[in-house]
Amino acid sequence: MKKTFQLNEIREVAEEVIKTAPGKVLCFYGDMGVGKTTLVKAMVKELGAVDEANSPTFGLVNEYRGENDKLIAHHFDFYRLNDETEALDMGFEDYLGQDGWVFIEWPEKIKSFIPDDAVGVFLRFVDENTRSIELNVS
């Protein structure tokens, strides 16, 4: 998947990423402010989470559940990590073994721990209201 989109089309993009991603571990790459968290929020909503998604920057991970308390996704934001071993200290590998989607922002901070089958989601600025997105298998 490779396309350009307007920010007001984020819901449709989220739906397309969910349908076309070959796996459930997604690594979001892009500059600060490009829309990584915005896309994750839209994806969590499309997947049927009960609560609205928000950035886990300070807590590092958020968990989202749907009806009947079914696990929908874990959302990681590793921007504040100083060392990738901090991800192990918080039990990152245990989260990978659970059912549900795994969304990882700033995956370059934990390169050694990214699963081989993770899908790279690359977001880039085109202009103020336009972004490009490309999915790659890592």
C-alpha atoms as a PDB file:
ATOM      1  CA  MET A   1       0.000   0.000   0.000  1.00  0.00           C
ATOM      2  CA  LYS A   2       1.349   3.398  -0.980  1.00  0.00           C
ATOM      3  CA  LYS A   3      -0.788   6.513  -1.250  1.00  0.00           C
ATOM      4  CA  THR A   4      -1.173  10.197  -0.547  1.00  0.00           C
ATOM      5  CA  PHE A   5      -4.099  11.403   1.552  1.00  0.00           C
ATOM      6  CA  GLN A   6      -5.645  14.466   3.150  1.00  0.00           C
ATOM      7  CA  LEU A   7      -5.848  14.573   6.945  1.00  0.00           C
ATOM      8  CA  ASN A   8      -9.653  14.530   6.761  1.00  0.00           C
ATOM      9  CA  GLU A   9      -9.384  11.081   5.104  1.00  0.00           C
ATOM     10  CA  ILE A  10      -7.646   9.488   8.095  1.00  0.00           C
ATOM     11  CA  ARG A  11     -10.563   7.147   8.899  1.00  0.00           C
ATOM     12  CA  GLU A  12     -10.503   5.667   5.410  1.00  0.00           C
ATOM     13  CA  VAL A  13      -6.715   5.287   5.572  1.00  0.00           C
ATOM     14  CA  ALA A  14      -7.000   3.537   8.952  1.00  0.00           C
ATOM     15  CA  GLU A  15      -9.535   1.114   7.512  1.00  0.00           C
ATOM     16  CA  GLU A  16      -7.284   0.389   4.526  1.00  0.00           C
ATOM     17  CA  VAL A  17      -4.224  -0.220   6.716  1.00  0.00           C
ATOM     18  CA  ILE A  18      -6.194  -2.681   8.850  1.00  0.00           C
ATOM     19  CA  LYS A  19      -7.385  -4.551   5.752  1.00  0.00           C
ATOM     20  CA  THR A  20      -4.041  -4.625   3.911  1.00  0.00           C
ATOM     21  CA  ALA A  21      -1.486  -5.126   6.685  1.00  0.00           C
ATOM     22  CA  PRO A  22      -0.145  -8.693   6.456  1.00  0.00           C
ATOM     23  CA  GLY A  23       0.320  -8.861  10.233  1.00  0.00           C
ATOM     24  CA  LYS A  24      -0.890  -7.328  13.482  1.00  0.00           C
ATOM     25  CA  VAL A  25       2.403  -5.779  14.658  1.00  0.00           C
ATOM     26  CA  LEU A  26       2.687  -2.345  13.061  1.00  0.00           C
ATOM     27  CA  CYS A  27       5.680  -0.032  13.458  1.00  0.00           C
ATOM     28  CA  PHE A  28       4.927   3.627  12.759  1.00  0.00           C
ATOM     29  CA  TYR A  29       7.811   5.682  11.352  1.00  0.00           C
ATOM     30  CA  GLY A  30       7.757   9.400  10.647  1.00  0.00           C
ATOM     31  CA  ASP A  31       8.748  12.831  11.853  1.00  0.00           C
ATOM     32  CA  MET A  32       7.249  14.384  14.957  1.00  0.00           C
ATOM     33  CA  GLY A  33       3.798  15.743  14.133  1.00  0.00           C
ATOM     34  CA  VAL A  34       3.290  13.753  10.918  1.00  0.00           C
ATOM     35  CA  GLY A  35       0.234  11.961  12.312  1.00  0.00           C
ATOM     36  CA  LYS A  36       1.400   8.628  13.741  1.00  0.00           C
ATOM     37  CA  THR A  37      -0.778   8.918  16.847  1.00  0.00           C
ATOM     38  CA  THR A  38      -3.683  10.313  14.829  1.00  0.00           C
ATOM     39  CA  LEU A  39      -3.576   7.262  12.567  1.00  0.00           C
ATOM     40  CA  VAL A  40      -3.355   4.882  15.532  1.00  0.00           C
ATOM     41  CA  LYS A  41      -6.358   6.615  17.141  1.00  0.00           C
ATOM     42  CA  ALA A  42      -8.367   6.135  13.951  1.00  0.00           C
ATOM     43  CA  MET A  43      -7.314   2.481  13.714  1.00  0.00           C
ATOM     44  CA  VAL A  44      -8.258   1.778  17.331  1.00  0.00           C
ATOM     45  CA  LYS A  45     -11.678   3.309  16.682  1.00  0.00           C
ATOM     46  CA  GLU A  46     -12.119   1.277  13.478  1.00  0.00           C
ATOM     47  CA  LEU A  47     -11.237  -1.897  15.377  1.00  0.00           C
ATOM     48  CA  GLY A  48     -14.085  -1.240  17.820  1.00  0.00           C
ATOM     49  CA  ALA A  49     -12.369  -0.075  20.998  1.00  0.00           C
ATOM     50  CA  VAL A  50     -14.699   1.146  23.716  1.00  0.00           C
ATOM     51  CA  ASP A  51     -12.416   3.996  24.825  1.00  0.00           C
ATOM     52  CA  GLU A  52     -10.905   6.686  22.635  1.00  0.00           C
ATOM     53  CA  ALA A  53      -7.192   6.233  22.003  1.00  0.00           C
ATOM     54  CA  ASN A  54      -4.625   8.764  23.149  1.00  0.00           C
ATOM     55  CA  SER A  55      -0.873   9.018  23.106  1.00  0.00           C
ATOM     56  CA  PRO A  56       0.927   6.794  25.626  1.00  0.00           C
ATOM     57  CA  THR A  57       3.988   9.076  25.581  1.00  0.00           C
ATOM     58  CA  PHE A  58       4.240   9.332  29.360  1.00  0.00           C
ATOM     59  CA  GLY A  59       3.023   5.852  30.271  1.00  0.00           C
ATOM     60  CA  LEU A  60       4.750   4.244  27.242  1.00  0.00           C
ATOM     61  CA  VAL A  61       1.847   1.830  26.612  1.00  0.00           C
ATOM     62  CA  ASN A  62      -1.949   1.993  26.419  1.00  0.00           C
ATOM     63  CA  GLU A  63      -4.268  -0.973  26.190  1.00  0.00           C
ATOM     64  CA  TYR A  64      -7.556  -0.806  24.308  1.00  0.00           C
ATOM     65  CA  ARG A  65     -10.463  -3.176  24.702  1.00  0.00           C
ATOM     66  CA  GLY A  66     -13.719  -3.659  22.874  1.00  0.00           C
ATOM     67  CA  GLU A  67     -17.075  -5.053  23.896  1.00  0.00           C
ATOM     68  CA  ASN A  68     -17.004  -7.874  26.443  1.00  0.00           C
ATOM     69  CA  ASP A  69     -13.564  -6.629  27.504  1.00  0.00           C
ATOM     70  CA  LYS A  70     -11.956  -8.228  24.418  1.00  0.00           C
ATOM     71  CA  LEU A  71      -8.363  -7.057  23.837  1.00  0.00           C
ATOM     72  CA  ILE A  72      -8.193  -4.867  20.717  1.00  0.00           C
ATOM     73  CA  ALA A  73      -4.658  -3.453  20.783  1.00  0.00           C
ATOM     74  CA  HIS A  74      -1.600  -2.319  22.682  1.00  0.00           C
ATOM     75  CA  HIS A  75      -0.198   1.059  21.643  1.00  0.00           C
ATOM     76  CA  PHE A  76       3.422   1.860  22.477  1.00  0.00           C
ATOM     77  CA  ASP A  77       5.166   5.210  22.192  1.00  0.00           C
ATOM     78  CA  PHE A  78       8.895   4.774  22.748  1.00  0.00           C
ATOM     79  CA  TYR A  79       9.871   8.398  22.057  1.00  0.00           C
ATOM     80  CA  ARG A  80      11.043   8.951  25.648  1.00  0.00           C
ATOM     81  CA  LEU A  81      13.095   5.739  25.880  1.00  0.00           C
ATOM     82  CA  ASN A  82      16.764   6.330  26.634  1.00  0.00           C
ATOM     83  CA  ASP A  83      17.845   2.728  26.141  1.00  0.00           C
ATOM     84  CA  GLU A  84      16.063  -0.104  24.358  1.00  0.00           C
ATOM     85  CA  THR A  85      16.425  -2.389  27.365  1.00  0.00           C
ATOM     86  CA  GLU A  86      13.827  -0.188  29.093  1.00  0.00           C
ATOM     87  CA  ALA A  87      11.295  -1.850  26.767  1.00  0.00           C
ATOM     88  CA  LEU A  88      12.265  -5.241  28.187  1.00  0.00           C
ATOM     89  CA  ASP A  89      11.981  -3.902  31.723  1.00  0.00           C
ATOM     90  CA  MET A  90       8.343  -2.995  31.053  1.00  0.00           C
ATOM     91  CA  GLY A  91       7.633  -6.467  29.625  1.00  0.00           C
ATOM     92  CA  PHE A  92       7.447  -5.534  25.935  1.00  0.00           C
ATOM     93  CA  GLU A  93       8.047  -9.111  24.778  1.00  0.00           C
ATOM     94  CA  ASP A  94       5.077 -10.309  26.863  1.00  0.00           C
ATOM     95  CA  TYR A  95       2.783  -7.892  25.030  1.00  0.00           C
ATOM     96  CA  LEU A  96       3.867  -9.365  21.689  1.00  0.00           C
ATOM     97  CA  GLY A  97       2.615 -12.776  22.781  1.00  0.00           C
ATOM     98  CA  GLN A  98      -0.914 -11.562  23.485  1.00  0.00           C
ATOM     99  CA  ASP A  99      -3.829 -11.583  21.097  1.00  0.00           C
ATOM    100  CA  GLY A 100      -4.678  -8.287  19.449  1.00  0.00           C
ATOM    101  CA  TRP A 101      -2.899  -5.642  17.455  1.00  0.00           C
ATOM    102  CA  VAL A 102       0.387  -4.036  18.510  1.00  0.00           C
ATOM    103  CA  PHE A 103       1.020  -0.445  17.398  1.00  0.00           C
ATOM    104  CA  ILE A 104       4.546   0.871  17.980  1.00  0.00           C
ATOM    105  CA  GLU A 105       5.518   4.513  17.589  1.00  0.00           C
ATOM    106  CA  TRP A 106       9.258   5.311  17.432  1.00  0.00           C
ATOM    107  CA  PRO A 107      10.238   1.658  16.812  1.00  0.00           C
ATOM    108  CA  GLU A 108      13.751   2.779  15.893  1.00  0.00           C
ATOM    109  CA  LYS A 109      14.316   3.144  19.655  1.00  0.00           C
ATOM    110  CA  ILE A 110      13.894  -0.651  20.105  1.00  0.00           C
ATOM    111  CA  LYS A 111      15.311  -2.016  16.838  1.00  0.00           C
ATOM    112  CA  SER A 112      16.612  -5.233  18.415  1.00  0.00           C
ATOM    113  CA  PHE A 113      13.188  -6.241  19.691  1.00  0.00           C
ATOM    114  CA  ILE A 114      11.035  -5.663  16.603  1.00  0.00           C
ATOM    115  CA  PRO A 115       9.624  -8.988  15.328  1.00  0.00           C
ATOM    116  CA  ASP A 116      10.765 -10.050  11.852  1.00  0.00           C
ATOM    117  CA  ASP A 117       7.199 -10.070  10.578  1.00  0.00           C
ATOM    118  CA  ALA A 118       6.392  -6.541  11.782  1.00  0.00           C
ATOM    119  CA  VAL A 119       4.847  -4.218   9.206  1.00  0.00           C
ATOM    120  CA  GLY A 120       6.514  -0.838   8.701  1.00  0.00           C
ATOM    121  CA  VAL A 121       4.072   2.062   8.322  1.00  0.00           C
ATOM    122  CA  PHE A 122       5.956   5.055   6.932  1.00  0.00           C
ATOM    123  CA  LEU A 123       4.266   8.448   7.138  1.00  0.00           C
ATOM    124  CA  ARG A 124       5.711  11.550   5.458  1.00  0.00           C
ATOM    125  CA  PHE A 125       4.727  15.197   5.166  1.00  0.00           C
ATOM    126  CA  VAL A 126       3.633  16.338   1.714  1.00  0.00           C
ATOM    127  CA  ASP A 127       2.213  19.683   2.867  1.00  0.00           C
ATOM    128  CA  GLU A 128       0.279  21.105   5.812  1.00  0.00           C
ATOM    129  CA  ASN A 129      -2.834  19.000   5.153  1.00  0.00           C
ATOM    130  CA  THR A 130      -1.440  16.153   3.056  1.00  0.00           C
ATOM    131  CA  ARG A 131       0.551  13.074   4.025  1.00  0.00           C
ATOM    132  CA  SER A 132       1.898  10.040   2.243  1.00  0.00           C
ATOM    133  CA  ILE A 133       1.759   6.553   3.693  1.00  0.00           C
ATOM    134  CA  GLU A 134       3.569   3.395   2.685  1.00  0.00           C
ATOM    135  CA  LEU A 135       3.365  -0.075   4.225  1.00  0.00           C
ATOM    136  CA  ASN A 136       6.397  -2.355   4.108  1.00  0.00           C
ATOM    137  CA  VAL A 137       7.117  -5.661   5.742  1.00  0.00           C
ATOM    138  CA  SER A 138      10.142  -5.143   8.012  1.00  0.00           C
END
